């Protein structure tokens, strides 16, 4: 596994309350209002839940790493997955036009993805 830094979350979500009451809608990061039952909200809720399970797995691994050093690499992989899931949640919480207008998001290139592409 590469020691290269992976992309840090691009957005800071500082508050989780609005003081406006519940009208069946919620705000995205850019301030747009959408229904709470929108698939976008369901998707980043599922991502957050999956991310928490990975966090529990990482904590469980930490107690076992002393006995089996091979698990160290797995813990690093799980950390990477957590960061990628957080980034995906941030993307879902933001409409594309809010981030950077007219900019297409391209897949991140990692040493693993580049080597897999060259062997395909």
PDB file of N, CA and C in Angstrom:
ATOM      1  N   UNK A   1       0.840  -1.181   0.000  1.00  0.00           N
ATOM      2  CA  UNK A   1       0.000   0.000   0.000  1.00  0.00           C
ATOM      3  C   UNK A   1       0.882   1.240   0.000  1.00  0.00           C
ATOM      4  N   UNK A   2       0.534   2.192  -0.804  1.00  0.00           N
ATOM      5  CA  UNK A   2       1.318   3.407  -0.963  1.00  0.00           C
ATOM      6  C   UNK A   2       1.227   4.297   0.277  1.00  0.00           C
ATOM      7  N   UNK A   3       2.317   4.997   0.575  1.00  0.00           N
ATOM      8  CA  UNK A   3       2.320   5.961   1.665  1.00  0.00           C
ATOM      9  C   UNK A   3       1.831   7.333   1.199  1.00  0.00           C
ATOM     10  N   UNK A   4       1.525   7.464  -0.092  1.00  0.00           N
ATOM     11  CA  UNK A   4       1.083   8.763  -0.619  1.00  0.00           C
ATOM     12  C   UNK A   4      -0.193   9.206   0.080  1.00  0.00           C
ATOM     13  N   UNK A   5      -0.266  10.489   0.367  1.00  0.00           N
ATOM     14  CA  UNK A   5      -1.460  11.046   1.018  1.00  0.00           C
ATOM     15  C   UNK A   5      -2.637  10.944   0.065  1.00  0.00           C
ATOM     16  N   UNK A   6      -3.778  10.606   0.581  1.00  0.00           N
ATOM     17  CA  UNK A   6      -4.973  10.588  -0.238  1.00  0.00           C
ATOM     18  C   UNK A   6      -5.719  11.885  -0.033  1.00  0.00           C
ATOM     19  N   UNK A   7      -6.667  12.097  -0.849  1.00  0.00           N
ATOM     20  CA  UNK A   7      -7.369  13.376  -0.857  1.00  0.00           C
ATOM     21  C   UNK A   7      -8.113  13.599   0.450  1.00  0.00           C
ATOM     22  N   UNK A   8      -7.795  14.694   1.109  1.00  0.00           N
ATOM     23  CA  UNK A   8      -8.500  15.062   2.331  1.00  0.00           C
ATOM     24  C   UNK A   8      -9.905  15.530   1.966  1.00  0.00           C
ATOM     25  N   UNK A   9     -10.855  15.427   2.882  1.00  0.00           N
ATOM     26  CA  UNK A   9     -12.199  15.938   2.579  1.00  0.00           C
ATOM     27  C   UNK A   9     -12.123  17.392   2.133  1.00  0.00           C
ATOM     28  N   UNK A  10     -12.906  17.722   1.119  1.00  0.00           N
ATOM     29  CA  UNK A  10     -12.834  19.039   0.514  1.00  0.00           C
ATOM     30  C   UNK A  10     -13.750  20.061   1.177  1.00  0.00           C
ATOM     31  N   UNK A  11     -14.663  19.611   2.001  1.00  0.00           N
ATOM     32  CA  UNK A  11     -15.643  20.510   2.591  1.00  0.00           C
ATOM     33  C   UNK A  11     -15.638  20.365   4.111  1.00  0.00           C
ATOM     34  N   UNK A  12     -15.862  21.445   4.794  1.00  0.00           N
ATOM     35  CA  UNK A  12     -15.985  21.401   6.249  1.00  0.00           C
ATOM     36  C   UNK A  12     -17.443  21.659   6.614  1.00  0.00           C
ATOM     37  N   UNK A  13     -18.055  20.704   7.271  1.00  0.00           N
ATOM     38  CA  UNK A  13     -19.439  20.845   7.701  1.00  0.00           C
ATOM     39  C   UNK A  13     -19.412  21.198   9.183  1.00  0.00           C
ATOM     40  N   UNK A  14     -19.614  22.468   9.504  1.00  0.00           N
ATOM     41  CA  UNK A  14     -19.408  22.932  10.868  1.00  0.00           C
ATOM     42  C   UNK A  14     -20.636  22.858  11.760  1.00  0.00           C
ATOM     43  N   UNK A  15     -21.821  22.941  11.196  1.00  0.00           N
ATOM     44  CA  UNK A  15     -22.987  22.909  12.075  1.00  0.00           C
ATOM     45  C   UNK A  15     -23.992  21.894  11.557  1.00  0.00           C
ATOM     46  N   UNK A  16     -24.736  21.337  12.475  1.00  0.00           N
ATOM     47  CA  UNK A  16     -25.680  20.293  12.101  1.00  0.00           C
ATOM     48  C   UNK A  16     -27.099  20.660  12.510  1.00  0.00           C
ATOM     49  N   UNK A  17     -27.355  21.924  12.757  1.00  0.00           N
ATOM     50  CA  UNK A  17     -28.688  22.374  13.128  1.00  0.00           C
ATOM     51  C   UNK A  17     -29.037  23.615  12.309  1.00  0.00           C
ATOM     52  N   UNK A  18     -30.340  23.870  12.149  1.00  0.00           N
ATOM     53  CA  UNK A  18     -30.760  25.023  11.349  1.00  0.00           C
ATOM     54  C   UNK A  18     -31.620  26.008  12.119  1.00  0.00           C
ATOM     55  N   UNK A  19     -32.267  25.534  13.193  1.00  0.00           N
ATOM     56  CA  UNK A  19     -33.196  26.343  13.996  1.00  0.00           C
ATOM     57  C   UNK A  19     -34.426  26.782  13.193  1.00  0.00           C
ATOM     58  N   UNK A  20     -34.783  25.997  12.154  1.00  0.00           N
ATOM     59  CA  UNK A  20     -35.945  26.348  11.339  1.00  0.00           C
ATOM     60  C   UNK A  20     -37.083  25.342  11.469  1.00  0.00           C
ATOM     61  N   UNK A  21     -36.895  24.319  12.258  1.00  0.00           N
ATOM     62  CA  UNK A  21     -37.956  23.331  12.397  1.00  0.00           C
ATOM     63  C   UNK A  21     -37.922  22.319  11.271  1.00  0.00           C
ATOM     64  N   UNK A  22     -38.839  21.352  11.319  1.00  0.00           N
ATOM     65  CA  UNK A  22     -38.857  20.279  10.331  1.00  0.00           C
ATOM     66  C   UNK A  22     -40.007  20.485   9.357  1.00  0.00           C
ATOM     67  N   UNK A  23     -39.665  20.755   8.104  1.00  0.00           N
ATOM     68  CA  UNK A  23     -40.676  20.912   7.051  1.00  0.00           C
ATOM     69  C   UNK A  23     -40.605  19.776   6.048  1.00  0.00           C
ATOM     70  N   UNK A  24     -39.873  18.702   6.408  1.00  0.00           N
ATOM     71  CA  UNK A  24     -39.727  17.580   5.483  1.00  0.00           C
ATOM     72  C   UNK A  24     -38.632  17.803   4.458  1.00  0.00           C
ATOM     73  N   UNK A  25     -37.892  18.880   4.607  1.00  0.00           N
ATOM     74  CA  UNK A  25     -36.782  19.162   3.713  1.00  0.00           C
ATOM     75  C   UNK A  25     -35.509  19.361   4.513  1.00  0.00           C
ATOM     76  N   UNK A  26     -34.393  19.248   3.815  1.00  0.00           N
ATOM     77  CA  UNK A  26     -33.092  19.479   4.430  1.00  0.00           C
ATOM     78  C   UNK A  26     -32.235  20.252   3.449  1.00  0.00           C
ATOM     79  N   UNK A  27     -31.182  20.838   3.961  1.00  0.00           N
ATOM     80  CA  UNK A  27     -30.294  21.633   3.118  1.00  0.00           C
ATOM     81  C   UNK A  27     -29.054  20.843   2.744  1.00  0.00           C
ATOM     82  N   UNK A  28     -28.613  21.021   1.514  1.00  0.00           N
ATOM     83  CA  UNK A  28     -27.322  20.513   1.093  1.00  0.00           C
ATOM     84  C   UNK A  28     -26.258  21.527   1.493  1.00  0.00           C
ATOM     85  N   UNK A  29     -25.005  21.195   1.276  1.00  0.00           N
ATOM     86  CA  UNK A  29     -23.917  22.063   1.685  1.00  0.00           C
ATOM     87  C   UNK A  29     -24.031  23.446   1.046  1.00  0.00           C
ATOM     88  N   UNK A  30     -24.460  23.536  -0.194  1.00  0.00           N
ATOM     89  CA  UNK A  30     -24.577  24.822  -0.878  1.00  0.00           C
ATOM     90  C   UNK A  30     -25.823  25.604  -0.526  1.00  0.00           C
ATOM     91  N   UNK A  31     -26.678  25.049   0.356  1.00  0.00           N
ATOM     92  CA  UNK A  31     -27.881  25.752   0.786  1.00  0.00           C
ATOM     93  C   UNK A  31     -29.147  25.346   0.043  1.00  0.00           C
ATOM     94  N   UNK A  32     -29.027  24.532  -0.996  1.00  0.00           N
ATOM     95  CA  UNK A  32     -30.212  24.087  -1.732  1.00  0.00           C
ATOM     96  C   UNK A  32     -31.069  23.201  -0.838  1.00  0.00           C
ATOM     97  N   UNK A  33     -32.377  23.331  -0.964  1.00  0.00           N
ATOM     98  CA  UNK A  33     -33.312  22.534  -0.165  1.00  0.00           C
ATOM     99  C   UNK A  33     -33.794  21.353  -0.997  1.00  0.00           C
ATOM    100  N   UNK A  34     -33.776  20.167  -0.395  1.00  0.00           N
ATOM    101  CA  UNK A  34     -34.321  18.975  -1.036  1.00  0.00           C
ATOM    102  C   UNK A  34     -35.095  18.183   0.001  1.00  0.00           C
ATOM    103  N   UNK A  35     -35.956  17.301  -0.481  1.00  0.00           N
ATOM    104  CA  UNK A  35     -36.767  16.472   0.411  1.00  0.00           C
ATOM    105  C   UNK A  35     -35.875  15.528   1.214  1.00  0.00           C
ATOM    106  N   UNK A  36     -36.251  15.304   2.469  1.00  0.00           N
ATOM    107  CA  UNK A  36     -35.475  14.402   3.318  1.00  0.00           C
ATOM    108  C   UNK A  36     -35.514  12.962   2.810  1.00  0.00           C
ATOM    109  N   UNK A  37     -36.521  12.621   2.009  1.00  0.00           N
ATOM    110  CA  UNK A  37     -36.590  11.259   1.477  1.00  0.00           C
ATOM    111  C   UNK A  37     -35.961  11.149   0.091  1.00  0.00           C
ATOM    112  N   UNK A  38     -35.235  12.156  -0.344  1.00  0.00           N
ATOM    113  CA  UNK A  38     -34.521  12.132  -1.619  1.00  0.00           C
ATOM    114  C   UNK A  38     -33.458  11.026  -1.594  1.00  0.00           C
ATOM    115  N   UNK A  39     -33.231  10.375  -2.728  1.00  0.00           N
ATOM    116  CA  UNK A  39     -32.244   9.299  -2.802  1.00  0.00           C
ATOM    117  C   UNK A  39     -30.834   9.778  -2.439  1.00  0.00           C
ATOM    118  N   UNK A  40     -30.546  11.047  -2.713  1.00  0.00           N
ATOM    119  CA  UNK A  40     -29.236  11.606  -2.363  1.00  0.00           C
ATOM    120  C   UNK A  40     -29.024  11.525  -0.847  1.00  0.00           C
ATOM    121  N   UNK A  41     -30.048  11.867  -0.083  1.00  0.00           N
ATOM    122  CA  UNK A  41     -29.949  11.823   1.381  1.00  0.00           C
ATOM    123  C   UNK A  41     -29.814  10.381   1.851  1.00  0.00           C
ATOM    124  N   UNK A  42     -30.589   9.490   1.262  1.00  0.00           N
ATOM    125  CA  UNK A  42     -30.499   8.066   1.592  1.00  0.00           C
ATOM    126  C   UNK A  42     -29.099   7.538   1.299  1.00  0.00           C
ATOM    127  N   UNK A  43     -28.524   7.955   0.173  1.00  0.00           N
ATOM    128  CA  UNK A  43     -27.193   7.473  -0.221  1.00  0.00           C
ATOM    129  C   UNK A  43     -26.122   7.935   0.756  1.00  0.00           C
ATOM    130  N   UNK A  44     -26.112   9.225   1.115  1.00  0.00           N
ATOM    131  CA  UNK A  44     -25.026   9.595   2.014  1.00  0.00           C
ATOM    132  C   UNK A  44     -25.281   9.155   3.439  1.00  0.00           C
ATOM    133  N   UNK A  45     -26.514   8.870   3.798  1.00  0.00           N
ATOM    134  CA  UNK A  45     -26.778   8.237   5.086  1.00  0.00           C
ATOM    135  C   UNK A  45     -26.228   6.815   5.118  1.00  0.00           C
ATOM    136  N   UNK A  46     -26.407   6.078   4.015  1.00  0.00           N
ATOM    137  CA  UNK A  46     -25.878   4.712   3.928  1.00  0.00           C
ATOM    138  C   UNK A  46     -24.351   4.728   3.948  1.00  0.00           C
ATOM    139  N   UNK A  47     -23.756   5.698   3.262  1.00  0.00           N
ATOM    140  CA  UNK A  47     -22.296   5.824   3.262  1.00  0.00           C
ATOM    141  C   UNK A  47     -21.791   6.104   4.674  1.00  0.00           C
ATOM    142  N   UNK A  48     -22.442   7.011   5.391  1.00  0.00           N
ATOM    143  CA  UNK A  48     -22.042   7.313   6.770  1.00  0.00           C
ATOM    144  C   UNK A  48     -22.138   6.077   7.661  1.00  0.00           C
ATOM    145  N   UNK A  49     -23.206   5.315   7.493  1.00  0.00           N
ATOM    146  CA  UNK A  49     -23.378   4.115   8.309  1.00  0.00           C
ATOM    147  C   UNK A  49     -22.296   3.086   8.003  1.00  0.00           C
ATOM    148  N   UNK A  50     -22.011   2.889   6.710  1.00  0.00           N
ATOM    149  CA  UNK A  50     -20.960   1.958   6.306  1.00  0.00           C
ATOM    150  C   UNK A  50     -19.612   2.417   6.860  1.00  0.00           C
ATOM    151  N   UNK A  51     -19.374   3.718   6.813  1.00  0.00           N
ATOM    152  CA  UNK A  51     -18.124   4.271   7.322  1.00  0.00           C
ATOM    153  C   UNK A  51     -17.972   3.992   8.821  1.00  0.00           C
ATOM    154  N   UNK A  52     -19.067   4.073   9.558  1.00  0.00           N
ATOM    155  CA  UNK A  52     -18.984   3.795  11.001  1.00  0.00           C
ATOM    156  C   UNK A  52     -18.664   2.325  11.262  1.00  0.00           C
ATOM    157  N   UNK A  53     -19.184   1.415  10.441  1.00  0.00           N
ATOM    158  CA  UNK A  53     -18.856  -0.004  10.602  1.00  0.00           C
ATOM    159  C   UNK A  53     -17.369  -0.252  10.333  1.00  0.00           C
ATOM    160  N   UNK A  54     -16.840   0.441   9.341  1.00  0.00           N
ATOM    161  CA  UNK A  54     -15.410   0.300   9.039  1.00  0.00           C
ATOM    162  C   UNK A  54     -14.584   0.833  10.207  1.00  0.00           C
ATOM    163  N   UNK A  55     -15.046   1.915  10.825  1.00  0.00           N
ATOM    164  CA  UNK A  55     -14.353   2.445  11.999  1.00  0.00           C
ATOM    165  C   UNK A  55     -14.310   1.437  13.134  1.00  0.00           C
ATOM    166  N   UNK A  56     -15.401   0.746  13.357  1.00  0.00           N
ATOM    167  CA  UNK A  56     -15.434  -0.300  14.396  1.00  0.00           C
ATOM    168  C   UNK A  56     -14.463  -1.419  14.031  1.00  0.00           C
ATOM    169  N   UNK A  57     -14.427  -1.797  12.753  1.00  0.00           N
ATOM    170  CA  UNK A  57     -13.502  -2.847  12.314  1.00  0.00           C
ATOM    171  C   UNK A  57     -12.052  -2.421  12.534  1.00  0.00           C
ATOM    172  N   UNK A  58     -11.738  -1.159  12.223  1.00  0.00           N
ATOM    173  CA  UNK A  58     -10.373  -0.655  12.427  1.00  0.00           C
ATOM    174  C   UNK A  58      -9.985  -0.697  13.899  1.00  0.00           C
ATOM    175  N   UNK A  59     -10.907  -0.278  14.760  1.00  0.00           N
ATOM    176  CA  UNK A  59     -10.611  -0.310  16.196  1.00  0.00           C
ATOM    177  C   UNK A  59     -10.407  -1.742  16.672  1.00  0.00           C
ATOM    178  N   UNK A  60     -11.186  -2.667  16.156  1.00  0.00           N
ATOM    179  CA  UNK A  60     -11.027  -4.077  16.532  1.00  0.00           C
ATOM    180  C   UNK A  60      -9.673  -4.612  16.072  1.00  0.00           C
ATOM    181  N   UNK A  61      -9.251  -4.191  14.882  1.00  0.00           N
ATOM    182  CA  UNK A  61      -7.962  -4.640  14.358  1.00  0.00           C
ATOM    183  C   UNK A  61      -6.799  -4.150  15.203  1.00  0.00           C
ATOM    184  N   UNK A  62      -6.916  -2.954  15.747  1.00  0.00           N
ATOM    185  CA  UNK A  62      -5.805  -2.378  16.507  1.00  0.00           C
ATOM    186  C   UNK A  62      -5.383  -3.275  17.667  1.00  0.00           C
ATOM    187  N   UNK A  63      -6.336  -3.934  18.294  1.00  0.00           N
ATOM    188  CA  UNK A  63      -5.984  -4.812  19.409  1.00  0.00           C
ATOM    189  C   UNK A  63      -5.332  -6.109  18.918  1.00  0.00           C
ATOM    190  N   UNK A  64      -5.564  -6.465  17.663  1.00  0.00           N
ATOM    191  CA  UNK A  64      -5.008  -7.707  17.123  1.00  0.00           C
ATOM    192  C   UNK A  64      -3.679  -7.508  16.403  1.00  0.00           C
ATOM    193  N   UNK A  65      -3.364  -6.265  16.034  1.00  0.00           N
ATOM    194  CA  UNK A  65      -2.161  -6.005  15.237  1.00  0.00           C
ATOM    195  C   UNK A  65      -0.889  -6.447  15.972  1.00  0.00           C
ATOM    196  N   UNK A  66      -0.849  -6.295  17.278  1.00  0.00           N
ATOM    197  CA  UNK A  66       0.331  -6.710  18.038  1.00  0.00           C
ATOM    198  C   UNK A  66       0.603  -8.204  17.872  1.00  0.00           C
ATOM    199  N   UNK A  67      -0.461  -8.981  17.700  1.00  0.00           N
ATOM    200  CA  UNK A  67      -0.313 -10.428  17.555  1.00  0.00           C
ATOM    201  C   UNK A  67      -0.068 -10.847  16.117  1.00  0.00           C
ATOM    202  N   UNK A  68      -0.600 -10.089  15.173  1.00  0.00           N
ATOM    203  CA  UNK A  68      -0.484 -10.448  13.755  1.00  0.00           C
ATOM    204  C   UNK A  68      -0.181  -9.189  12.943  1.00  0.00           C
ATOM    205  N   UNK A  69       1.100  -8.957  12.696  1.00  0.00           N
ATOM    206  CA  UNK A  69       1.522  -7.745  12.010  1.00  0.00           C
ATOM    207  C   UNK A  69       0.952  -7.637  10.593  1.00  0.00           C
ATOM    208  N   UNK A  70       0.547  -8.756  10.014  1.00  0.00           N
ATOM    209  CA  UNK A  70      -0.036  -8.719   8.668  1.00  0.00           C
ATOM    210  C   UNK A  70      -1.312  -7.883   8.634  1.00  0.00           C
ATOM    211  N   UNK A  71      -1.949  -7.717   9.787  1.00  0.00           N
ATOM    212  CA  UNK A  71      -3.184  -6.933   9.846  1.00  0.00           C
ATOM    213  C   UNK A  71      -2.933  -5.436   9.731  1.00  0.00           C
ATOM    214  N   UNK A  72      -1.679  -5.011   9.877  1.00  0.00           N
ATOM    215  CA  UNK A  72      -1.346  -3.588   9.770  1.00  0.00           C
ATOM    216  C   UNK A  72      -1.747  -3.054   8.402  1.00  0.00           C
ATOM    217  N   UNK A  73      -1.453  -3.805   7.351  1.00  0.00           N
ATOM    218  CA  UNK A  73      -1.810  -3.367   5.996  1.00  0.00           C
ATOM    219  C   UNK A  73      -3.325  -3.263   5.845  1.00  0.00           C
ATOM    220  N   UNK A  74      -4.067  -4.208   6.406  1.00  0.00           N
ATOM    221  CA  UNK A  74      -5.521  -4.167   6.335  1.00  0.00           C
ATOM    222  C   UNK A  74      -6.061  -2.929   7.035  1.00  0.00           C
ATOM    223  N   UNK A  75      -5.487  -2.567   8.172  1.00  0.00           N
ATOM    224  CA  UNK A  75      -5.929  -1.373   8.885  1.00  0.00           C
ATOM    225  C   UNK A  75      -5.710  -0.131   8.026  1.00  0.00           C
ATOM    226  N   UNK A  76      -4.589  -0.065   7.319  1.00  0.00           N
ATOM    227  CA  UNK A  76      -4.316   1.055   6.419  1.00  0.00           C
ATOM    228  C   UNK A  76      -5.295   1.112   5.260  1.00  0.00           C
ATOM    229  N   UNK A  77      -5.644  -0.041   4.737  1.00  0.00           N
ATOM    230  CA  UNK A  77      -6.623  -0.099   3.643  1.00  0.00           C
ATOM    231  C   UNK A  77      -7.977   0.400   4.132  1.00  0.00           C
ATOM    232  N   UNK A  78      -8.382  -0.035   5.319  1.00  0.00           N
ATOM    233  CA  UNK A  78      -9.670   0.401   5.864  1.00  0.00           C
ATOM    234  C   UNK A  78      -9.683   1.910   6.114  1.00  0.00           C
ATOM    235  N   UNK A  79      -8.557   2.466   6.556  1.00  0.00           N
ATOM    236  CA  UNK A  79      -8.466   3.916   6.739  1.00  0.00           C
ATOM    237  C   UNK A  79      -8.667   4.621   5.402  1.00  0.00           C
ATOM    238  N   UNK A  80      -8.039   4.113   4.371  1.00  0.00           N
ATOM    239  CA  UNK A  80      -8.197   4.699   3.025  1.00  0.00           C
ATOM    240  C   UNK A  80      -9.656   4.643   2.589  1.00  0.00           C
ATOM    241  N   UNK A  81     -10.295   3.503   2.796  1.00  0.00           N
ATOM    242  CA  UNK A  81     -11.711   3.354   2.429  1.00  0.00           C
ATOM    243  C   UNK A  81     -12.563   4.364   3.193  1.00  0.00           C
ATOM    244  N   UNK A  82     -12.279   4.549   4.483  1.00  0.00           N
ATOM    245  CA  UNK A  82     -13.043   5.535   5.255  1.00  0.00           C
ATOM    246  C   UNK A  82     -12.915   6.932   4.665  1.00  0.00           C
ATOM    247  N   UNK A  83     -11.719   7.329   4.292  1.00  0.00           N
ATOM    248  CA  UNK A  83     -11.529   8.658   3.709  1.00  0.00           C
ATOM    249  C   UNK A  83     -12.254   8.791   2.370  1.00  0.00           C
ATOM    250  N   UNK A  84     -12.191   7.741   1.570  1.00  0.00           N
ATOM    251  CA  UNK A  84     -12.890   7.784   0.271  1.00  0.00           C
ATOM    252  C   UNK A  84     -14.404   7.858   0.468  1.00  0.00           C
ATOM    253  N   UNK A  85     -14.924   7.126   1.452  1.00  0.00           N
ATOM    254  CA  UNK A  85     -16.362   7.184   1.730  1.00  0.00           C
ATOM    255  C   UNK A  85     -16.762   8.575   2.231  1.00  0.00           C
ATOM    256  N   UNK A  86     -15.924   9.187   3.057  1.00  0.00           N
ATOM    257  CA  UNK A  86     -16.225  10.535   3.523  1.00  0.00           C
ATOM    258  C   UNK A  86     -16.261  11.505   2.343  1.00  0.00           C
ATOM    259  N   UNK A  87     -15.308  11.370   1.431  1.00  0.00           N
ATOM    260  CA  UNK A  87     -15.305  12.213   0.235  1.00  0.00           C
ATOM    261  C   UNK A  87     -16.561  11.991  -0.599  1.00  0.00           C
ATOM    262  N   UNK A  88     -16.972  10.732  -0.751  1.00  0.00           N
ATOM    263  CA  UNK A  88     -18.190  10.436  -1.515  1.00  0.00           C
ATOM    264  C   UNK A  88     -19.410  11.068  -0.849  1.00  0.00           C
ATOM    265  N   UNK A  89     -19.485  10.997   0.474  1.00  0.00           N
ATOM    266  CA  UNK A  89     -20.590  11.636   1.186  1.00  0.00           C
ATOM    267  C   UNK A  89     -20.604  13.135   0.987  1.00  0.00           C
ATOM    268  N   UNK A  90     -19.417  13.756   1.006  1.00  0.00           N
ATOM    269  CA  UNK A  90     -19.333  15.196   0.782  1.00  0.00           C
ATOM    270  C   UNK A  90     -19.782  15.558  -0.630  1.00  0.00           C
ATOM    271  N   UNK A  91     -19.442  14.736  -1.596  1.00  0.00           N
ATOM    272  CA  UNK A  91     -19.874  14.974  -2.977  1.00  0.00           C
ATOM    273  C   UNK A  91     -21.395  14.873  -3.072  1.00  0.00           C
ATOM    274  N   UNK A  92     -21.970  13.869  -2.415  1.00  0.00           N
ATOM    275  CA  UNK A  92     -23.425  13.709  -2.444  1.00  0.00           C
ATOM    276  C   UNK A  92     -24.138  14.856  -1.733  1.00  0.00           C
ATOM    277  N   UNK A  93     -23.498  15.443  -0.748  1.00  0.00           N
ATOM    278  CA  UNK A  93     -24.110  16.528   0.016  1.00  0.00           C
ATOM    279  C   UNK A  93     -23.984  17.878  -0.688  1.00  0.00           C
ATOM    280  N   UNK A  94     -23.368  17.885  -1.853  1.00  0.00           N
ATOM    281  CA  UNK A  94     -23.122  19.124  -2.578  1.00  0.00           C
ATOM    282  C   UNK A  94     -23.520  18.940  -4.035  1.00  0.00           C
ATOM    283  N   UNK A  95     -24.345  19.827  -4.541  1.00  0.00           N
ATOM    284  CA  UNK A  95     -24.664  19.775  -5.965  1.00  0.00           C
ATOM    285  C   UNK A  95     -23.431  20.175  -6.765  1.00  0.00           C
ATOM    286  N   UNK A  96     -23.187  19.521  -7.894  1.00  0.00           N
ATOM    287  CA  UNK A  96     -21.967  19.814  -8.663  1.00  0.00           C
ATOM    288  C   UNK A  96     -21.780  21.298  -8.988  1.00  0.00           C
ATOM    289  N   UNK A  97     -22.849  21.998  -9.315  1.00  0.00           N
ATOM    290  CA  UNK A  97     -22.700  23.405  -9.686  1.00  0.00           C
ATOM    291  C   UNK A  97     -22.302  24.277  -8.501  1.00  0.00           C
ATOM    292  N   UNK A  98     -22.466  23.763  -7.273  1.00  0.00           N
ATOM    293  CA  UNK A  98     -22.101  24.519  -6.086  1.00  0.00           C
ATOM    294  C   UNK A  98     -20.597  24.501  -5.857  1.00  0.00           C
ATOM    295  N   UNK A  99     -19.959  23.398  -6.190  1.00  0.00           N
ATOM    296  CA  UNK A  99     -18.526  23.250  -5.906  1.00  0.00           C
ATOM    297  C   UNK A  99     -17.688  24.141  -6.818  1.00  0.00           C
ATOM    298  N   UNK A 100     -17.510  23.715  -8.028  1.00  0.00           N
ATOM    299  CA  UNK A 100     -16.713  24.460  -8.987  1.00  0.00           C
ATOM    300  C   UNK A 100     -17.460  24.397 -10.318  1.00  0.00           C
ATOM    301  N   UNK A 101     -18.056  25.494 -10.743  1.00  0.00           N
ATOM    302  CA  UNK A 101     -18.814  25.478 -11.992  1.00  0.00           C
ATOM    303  C   UNK A 101     -17.955  25.031 -13.175  1.00  0.00           C
ATOM    304  N   UNK A 102     -18.574  24.288 -14.059  1.00  0.00           N
ATOM    305  CA  UNK A 102     -17.946  23.842 -15.317  1.00  0.00           C
ATOM    306  C   UNK A 102     -16.706  22.974 -15.118  1.00  0.00           C
ATOM    307  N   UNK A 103     -16.576  22.352 -13.971  1.00  0.00           N
ATOM    308  CA  UNK A 103     -15.436  21.463 -13.748  1.00  0.00           C
ATOM    309  C   UNK A 103     -15.931  20.044 -13.627  1.00  0.00           C
ATOM    310  N   UNK A 104     -15.424  19.194 -14.468  1.00  0.00           N
ATOM    311  CA  UNK A 104     -15.787  17.788 -14.406  1.00  0.00           C
ATOM    312  C   UNK A 104     -14.905  17.094 -13.384  1.00  0.00           C
ATOM    313  N   UNK A 105     -15.488  16.205 -12.621  1.00  0.00           N
ATOM    314  CA  UNK A 105     -14.731  15.441 -11.632  1.00  0.00           C
ATOM    315  C   UNK A 105     -14.220  14.192 -12.310  1.00  0.00           C
ATOM    316  N   UNK A 106     -12.921  13.981 -12.265  1.00  0.00           N
ATOM    317  CA  UNK A 106     -12.347  12.785 -12.871  1.00  0.00           C
ATOM    318  C   UNK A 106     -11.919  11.833 -11.760  1.00  0.00           C
ATOM    319  N   UNK A 107     -11.879  10.548 -12.061  1.00  0.00           N
ATOM    320  CA  UNK A 107     -11.483   9.579 -11.039  1.00  0.00           C
ATOM    321  C   UNK A 107     -10.065   9.850 -10.555  1.00  0.00           C
ATOM    322  N   UNK A 108      -9.839   9.605  -9.291  1.00  0.00           N
ATOM    323  CA  UNK A 108      -8.513   9.796  -8.714  1.00  0.00           C
ATOM    324  C   UNK A 108      -7.601   8.686  -9.219  1.00  0.00           C
ATOM    325  N   UNK A 109      -6.377   9.021  -9.518  1.00  0.00           N
ATOM    326  CA  UNK A 109      -5.390   8.044  -9.968  1.00  0.00           C
ATOM    327  C   UNK A 109      -4.538   7.634  -8.774  1.00  0.00           C
ATOM    328  N   UNK A 110      -4.514   6.357  -8.505  1.00  0.00           N
ATOM    329  CA  UNK A 110      -3.675   5.826  -7.438  1.00  0.00           C
ATOM    330  C   UNK A 110      -2.706   4.837  -8.059  1.00  0.00           C
ATOM    331  N   UNK A 111      -1.602   4.536  -7.384  1.00  0.00           N
ATOM    332  CA  UNK A 111      -0.669   3.551  -7.949  1.00  0.00           C
ATOM    333  C   UNK A 111      -1.368   2.231  -8.273  1.00  0.00           C
ATOM    334  N   UNK A 112      -2.298   1.817  -7.410  1.00  0.00           N
ATOM    335  CA  UNK A 112      -3.022   0.563  -7.657  1.00  0.00           C
ATOM    336  C   UNK A 112      -3.880   0.655  -8.912  1.00  0.00           C
ATOM    337  N   UNK A 113      -4.633   1.753  -9.075  1.00  0.00           N
ATOM    338  CA  UNK A 113      -5.508   1.870 -10.238  1.00  0.00           C
ATOM    339  C   UNK A 113      -4.704   2.002 -11.527  1.00  0.00           C
ATOM    340  N   UNK A 114      -3.544   2.661 -11.447  1.00  0.00           N
ATOM    341  CA  UNK A 114      -2.713   2.807 -12.639  1.00  0.00           C
ATOM    342  C   UNK A 114      -2.109   1.482 -13.050  1.00  0.00           C
ATOM    343  N   UNK A 115      -1.649   0.668 -12.070  1.00  0.00           N
ATOM    344  CA  UNK A 115      -1.083  -0.621 -12.422  1.00  0.00           C
ATOM    345  C   UNK A 115      -2.156  -1.579 -12.925  1.00  0.00           C
ATOM    346  N   UNK A 116      -3.364  -1.488 -12.360  1.00  0.00           N
ATOM    347  CA  UNK A 116      -4.465  -2.340 -12.819  1.00  0.00           C
ATOM    348  C   UNK A 116      -4.850  -1.977 -14.249  1.00  0.00           C
ATOM    349  N   UNK A 117      -4.821  -0.683 -14.560  1.00  0.00           N
ATOM    350  CA  UNK A 117      -5.181  -0.220 -15.901  1.00  0.00           C
ATOM    351  C   UNK A 117      -4.145  -0.675 -16.933  1.00  0.00           C
ATOM    352  N   UNK A 118      -2.877  -0.671 -16.559  1.00  0.00           N
ATOM    353  CA  UNK A 118      -1.831  -1.035 -17.510  1.00  0.00           C
ATOM    354  C   UNK A 118      -1.820  -2.529 -17.807  1.00  0.00           C
ATOM    355  N   UNK A 119      -2.361  -3.355 -16.889  1.00  0.00           N
ATOM    356  CA  UNK A 119      -2.413  -4.794 -17.124  1.00  0.00           C
ATOM    357  C   UNK A 119      -3.704  -5.226 -17.798  1.00  0.00           C
ATOM    358  N   UNK A 120      -4.664  -4.306 -17.920  1.00  0.00           N
ATOM    359  CA  UNK A 120      -5.956  -4.661 -18.527  1.00  0.00           C
ATOM    360  C   UNK A 120      -5.880  -4.684 -20.037  1.00  0.00           C
TER     361      UNK A 120
END
